[in-house]
Amino acid sequence: MAGRTGRRPGAVSAPYQVGDVVRGPESLPPGDYRTPVIYEGEVVQVGSGWNGVDANNAYLWVRLADRSERRLAIRRCALVPPAERSVP
């Protein structure tokens, strides 16, 4: 059973939490060589939620100002200080 934090036994800690505001590039599927679009949004999910699925290609789900959601590459994201946010 997961503890109060909701973490699974043996789970690795992520650098972001639900509610953080981050900016970073979208997470493209393997073999997609487009230039990733940079988005800013509120973290609504860290990774897939499935054990081991995103171990090699970790990502965040963020909610944008227009209420849509995007998947961002976690290793290329940065926290956005309140003074620099474009998301209310």
N, C-alpha and C. Protein backbone atom coordinates (compact mmCIF):
# COMPACT_ATOMS: atom_id res chain seq x y z
N MET A 1 0.82 -1.17 0.00
CA MET A 1 0.00 0.00 0.00
C MET A 1 0.87 1.24 0.00
N ALA A 2 0.50 2.24 -0.80
CA ALA A 2 1.27 3.47 -0.87
C ALA A 2 1.08 4.26 0.42
N GLY A 3 2.11 5.01 0.79
CA GLY A 3 2.02 5.83 1.99
C GLY A 3 1.19 7.08 1.75
N ARG A 4 1.24 7.96 2.73
CA ARG A 4 0.46 9.19 2.64
C ARG A 4 0.89 10.06 1.47
N THR A 5 2.11 9.92 1.01
CA THR A 5 2.59 10.73 -0.10
C THR A 5 2.07 10.22 -1.44
N GLY A 6 1.53 9.01 -1.48
CA GLY A 6 1.04 8.43 -2.72
C GLY A 6 2.14 7.76 -3.52
N ARG A 7 3.35 7.72 -2.99
CA ARG A 7 4.47 7.11 -3.71
C ARG A 7 4.44 5.60 -3.54
N ARG A 8 4.77 4.91 -4.62
CA ARG A 8 4.89 3.46 -4.57
C ARG A 8 6.20 3.07 -3.90
N PRO A 9 6.25 1.93 -3.23
CA PRO A 9 7.52 1.47 -2.65
C PRO A 9 8.57 1.38 -3.75
N GLY A 10 9.75 1.92 -3.50
CA GLY A 10 10.84 1.88 -4.46
C GLY A 10 10.77 2.97 -5.52
N ALA A 11 9.76 3.84 -5.47
CA ALA A 11 9.64 4.91 -6.47
C ALA A 11 10.73 5.95 -6.25
N VAL A 12 11.18 6.54 -7.34
CA VAL A 12 12.20 7.58 -7.28
C VAL A 12 11.50 8.93 -7.16
N SER A 13 12.03 9.80 -6.34
CA SER A 13 11.45 11.12 -6.14
C SER A 13 11.61 11.96 -7.40
N ALA A 14 10.57 12.68 -7.77
CA ALA A 14 10.60 13.57 -8.93
C ALA A 14 10.95 14.98 -8.47
N PRO A 15 11.54 15.79 -9.36
CA PRO A 15 11.91 17.14 -8.96
C PRO A 15 10.73 18.11 -8.91
N TYR A 16 9.55 17.70 -9.35
CA TYR A 16 8.37 18.56 -9.37
C TYR A 16 7.21 17.88 -8.68
N GLN A 17 6.27 18.70 -8.21
CA GLN A 17 5.07 18.19 -7.56
C GLN A 17 3.84 18.74 -8.27
N VAL A 18 2.72 18.06 -8.10
CA VAL A 18 1.46 18.55 -8.63
C VAL A 18 1.23 19.94 -8.05
N GLY A 19 0.88 20.90 -8.92
CA GLY A 19 0.65 22.27 -8.49
C GLY A 19 1.80 23.21 -8.84
N ASP A 20 3.01 22.67 -9.05
CA ASP A 20 4.13 23.51 -9.47
C ASP A 20 3.84 24.09 -10.85
N VAL A 21 4.37 25.27 -11.14
CA VAL A 21 4.27 25.84 -12.48
C VAL A 21 5.65 25.70 -13.12
N VAL A 22 5.68 25.06 -14.29
CA VAL A 22 6.93 24.79 -14.99
C VAL A 22 6.84 25.27 -16.43
N ARG A 23 8.02 25.43 -17.04
CA ARG A 23 8.12 25.76 -18.46
C ARG A 23 9.12 24.78 -19.07
N GLY A 24 8.77 24.24 -20.24
CA GLY A 24 9.68 23.32 -20.89
C GLY A 24 9.13 22.82 -22.20
N PRO A 25 9.93 22.01 -22.92
CA PRO A 25 9.53 21.51 -24.22
C PRO A 25 8.58 20.32 -24.13
N GLU A 26 7.71 20.21 -25.12
CA GLU A 26 6.83 19.05 -25.18
C GLU A 26 7.66 17.79 -25.32
N SER A 27 7.13 16.69 -24.84
CA SER A 27 7.79 15.39 -24.93
C SER A 27 7.32 14.72 -26.22
N LEU A 28 8.24 14.63 -27.18
CA LEU A 28 7.90 14.03 -28.47
C LEU A 28 8.13 12.52 -28.43
N PRO A 29 7.36 11.77 -29.21
CA PRO A 29 7.57 10.32 -29.25
C PRO A 29 8.91 9.99 -29.91
N PRO A 30 9.49 8.83 -29.59
CA PRO A 30 10.75 8.43 -30.21
C PRO A 30 10.63 8.48 -31.74
N GLY A 31 11.66 9.00 -32.39
CA GLY A 31 11.68 9.07 -33.84
C GLY A 31 11.03 10.33 -34.41
N ASP A 32 10.43 11.14 -33.58
CA ASP A 32 9.83 12.40 -34.03
C ASP A 32 10.89 13.48 -33.86
N TYR A 33 11.35 14.05 -34.97
CA TYR A 33 12.47 14.98 -34.92
C TYR A 33 12.04 16.44 -35.10
N ARG A 34 10.75 16.72 -34.90
CA ARG A 34 10.29 18.11 -34.94
C ARG A 34 10.96 18.89 -33.82
N THR A 35 10.99 20.18 -33.97
CA THR A 35 11.45 21.03 -32.87
C THR A 35 10.32 21.09 -31.85
N PRO A 36 10.58 20.68 -30.61
CA PRO A 36 9.50 20.68 -29.61
C PRO A 36 9.04 22.10 -29.28
N VAL A 37 7.75 22.25 -29.09
CA VAL A 37 7.17 23.53 -28.70
C VAL A 37 7.38 23.69 -27.19
N ILE A 38 7.70 24.92 -26.76
CA ILE A 38 7.88 25.22 -25.34
C ILE A 38 6.52 25.65 -24.77
N TYR A 39 6.15 25.04 -23.64
CA TYR A 39 4.89 25.36 -22.97
C TYR A 39 5.15 25.72 -21.53
N GLU A 40 4.19 26.42 -20.93
CA GLU A 40 4.22 26.73 -19.51
C GLU A 40 2.87 26.32 -18.94
N GLY A 41 2.90 25.65 -17.81
CA GLY A 41 1.64 25.25 -17.20
C GLY A 41 1.81 24.70 -15.81
N GLU A 42 0.68 24.39 -15.20
CA GLU A 42 0.65 23.84 -13.85
C GLU A 42 0.73 22.31 -13.92
N VAL A 43 1.63 21.72 -13.16
CA VAL A 43 1.79 20.27 -13.15
C VAL A 43 0.52 19.62 -12.60
N VAL A 44 -0.06 18.70 -13.38
CA VAL A 44 -1.24 17.97 -12.93
C VAL A 44 -0.95 16.48 -12.75
N GLN A 45 0.17 16.00 -13.31
CA GLN A 45 0.57 14.60 -13.12
C GLN A 45 2.04 14.48 -13.42
N VAL A 46 2.74 13.71 -12.60
CA VAL A 46 4.16 13.46 -12.81
C VAL A 46 4.30 12.05 -13.36
N GLY A 47 4.73 11.94 -14.62
CA GLY A 47 4.88 10.64 -15.26
C GLY A 47 3.56 10.00 -15.62
N SER A 48 3.63 8.73 -15.96
CA SER A 48 2.46 8.00 -16.44
C SER A 48 1.59 7.47 -15.31
N GLY A 49 2.21 7.30 -14.15
CA GLY A 49 1.50 6.66 -13.05
C GLY A 49 1.64 5.14 -13.07
N TRP A 50 2.28 4.62 -14.12
CA TRP A 50 2.49 3.17 -14.24
C TRP A 50 3.94 2.86 -13.97
N ASN A 51 4.20 1.90 -13.11
CA ASN A 51 5.54 1.53 -12.71
C ASN A 51 6.42 1.19 -13.91
N GLY A 52 7.52 1.92 -14.08
CA GLY A 52 8.51 1.62 -15.11
C GLY A 52 8.20 2.14 -16.50
N VAL A 53 7.00 2.64 -16.76
CA VAL A 53 6.65 3.06 -18.12
C VAL A 53 7.50 4.21 -18.61
N ASP A 54 7.73 5.20 -17.75
CA ASP A 54 8.45 6.38 -18.21
C ASP A 54 9.87 6.45 -17.64
N ALA A 55 10.45 5.32 -17.32
CA ALA A 55 11.78 5.30 -16.72
C ALA A 55 12.84 5.89 -17.65
N ASN A 56 12.79 5.62 -18.95
CA ASN A 56 13.79 6.12 -19.87
C ASN A 56 13.41 7.45 -20.51
N ASN A 57 12.15 7.82 -20.45
CA ASN A 57 11.68 9.04 -21.11
C ASN A 57 10.66 9.72 -20.21
N ALA A 58 11.09 10.17 -19.04
CA ALA A 58 10.18 10.72 -18.03
C ALA A 58 9.51 12.00 -18.53
N TYR A 59 8.29 12.20 -18.09
CA TYR A 59 7.54 13.37 -18.52
C TYR A 59 6.61 13.86 -17.42
N LEU A 60 6.09 15.07 -17.64
CA LEU A 60 5.09 15.70 -16.78
C LEU A 60 3.87 15.99 -17.62
N TRP A 61 2.69 15.96 -17.03
CA TRP A 61 1.50 16.48 -17.68
C TRP A 61 1.23 17.84 -17.05
N VAL A 62 1.08 18.86 -17.88
CA VAL A 62 0.79 20.20 -17.38
C VAL A 62 -0.51 20.71 -18.00
N ARG A 63 -1.23 21.52 -17.22
CA ARG A 63 -2.46 22.16 -17.70
C ARG A 63 -2.10 23.59 -18.09
N LEU A 64 -2.41 23.93 -19.34
CA LEU A 64 -2.11 25.26 -19.87
C LEU A 64 -3.20 26.26 -19.49
N ALA A 65 -2.96 27.53 -19.78
CA ALA A 65 -3.92 28.59 -19.46
C ALA A 65 -5.26 28.35 -20.14
N ASP A 66 -5.26 27.73 -21.34
CA ASP A 66 -6.52 27.47 -22.06
C ASP A 66 -7.22 26.21 -21.57
N ARG A 67 -6.69 25.60 -20.49
CA ARG A 67 -7.24 24.40 -19.83
C ARG A 67 -6.92 23.10 -20.58
N SER A 68 -6.21 23.16 -21.70
CA SER A 68 -5.77 21.92 -22.36
C SER A 68 -4.53 21.41 -21.61
N GLU A 69 -4.13 20.18 -21.90
CA GLU A 69 -2.98 19.60 -21.23
C GLU A 69 -1.94 19.15 -22.25
N ARG A 70 -0.68 19.24 -21.85
CA ARG A 70 0.43 18.81 -22.69
C ARG A 70 1.38 17.98 -21.87
N ARG A 71 2.11 17.12 -22.56
CA ARG A 71 3.12 16.27 -21.93
C ARG A 71 4.48 16.92 -22.18
N LEU A 72 5.19 17.25 -21.11
CA LEU A 72 6.49 17.90 -21.24
C LEU A 72 7.60 16.97 -20.79
N ALA A 73 8.80 17.16 -21.38
CA ALA A 73 9.98 16.37 -21.03
C ALA A 73 10.50 16.85 -19.67
N ILE A 74 10.39 16.01 -18.65
CA ILE A 74 10.69 16.41 -17.27
C ILE A 74 12.12 16.89 -17.10
N ARG A 75 13.07 16.28 -17.77
CA ARG A 75 14.47 16.63 -17.58
C ARG A 75 14.85 17.96 -18.21
N ARG A 76 13.95 18.52 -19.00
CA ARG A 76 14.24 19.78 -19.68
C ARG A 76 13.32 20.90 -19.20
N CYS A 77 12.57 20.65 -18.12
CA CYS A 77 11.66 21.66 -17.56
C CYS A 77 12.37 22.45 -16.46
N ALA A 78 11.80 23.62 -16.18
CA ALA A 78 12.29 24.45 -15.08
C ALA A 78 11.10 25.05 -14.35
N LEU A 79 11.24 25.17 -13.04
CA LEU A 79 10.21 25.86 -12.25
C LEU A 79 10.15 27.31 -12.70
N VAL A 80 8.95 27.88 -12.72
CA VAL A 80 8.76 29.27 -13.10
C VAL A 80 8.43 30.05 -11.83
N PRO A 81 9.29 31.02 -11.46
CA PRO A 81 8.99 31.83 -10.28
C PRO A 81 7.70 32.62 -10.47
N PRO A 82 6.96 32.90 -9.40
CA PRO A 82 5.69 33.61 -9.53
C PRO A 82 5.76 34.90 -10.35
N ALA A 83 6.83 35.67 -10.22
CA ALA A 83 6.95 36.94 -10.94
C ALA A 83 7.09 36.76 -12.46
N GLU A 84 7.47 35.56 -12.91
CA GLU A 84 7.71 35.32 -14.33
C GLU A 84 6.60 34.49 -15.00
N ARG A 85 5.54 34.17 -14.27
CA ARG A 85 4.50 33.27 -14.80
C ARG A 85 3.56 33.98 -15.75
N SER A 86 3.22 33.27 -16.83
CA SER A 86 2.19 33.76 -17.73
C SER A 86 0.86 33.06 -17.44
N VAL A 87 0.91 32.00 -16.61
CA VAL A 87 -0.28 31.27 -16.20
C VAL A 87 -0.79 31.90 -14.91
N PRO A 88 -2.07 32.26 -14.84
CA PRO A 88 -2.59 32.88 -13.61
C PRO A 88 -2.55 31.94 -12.43
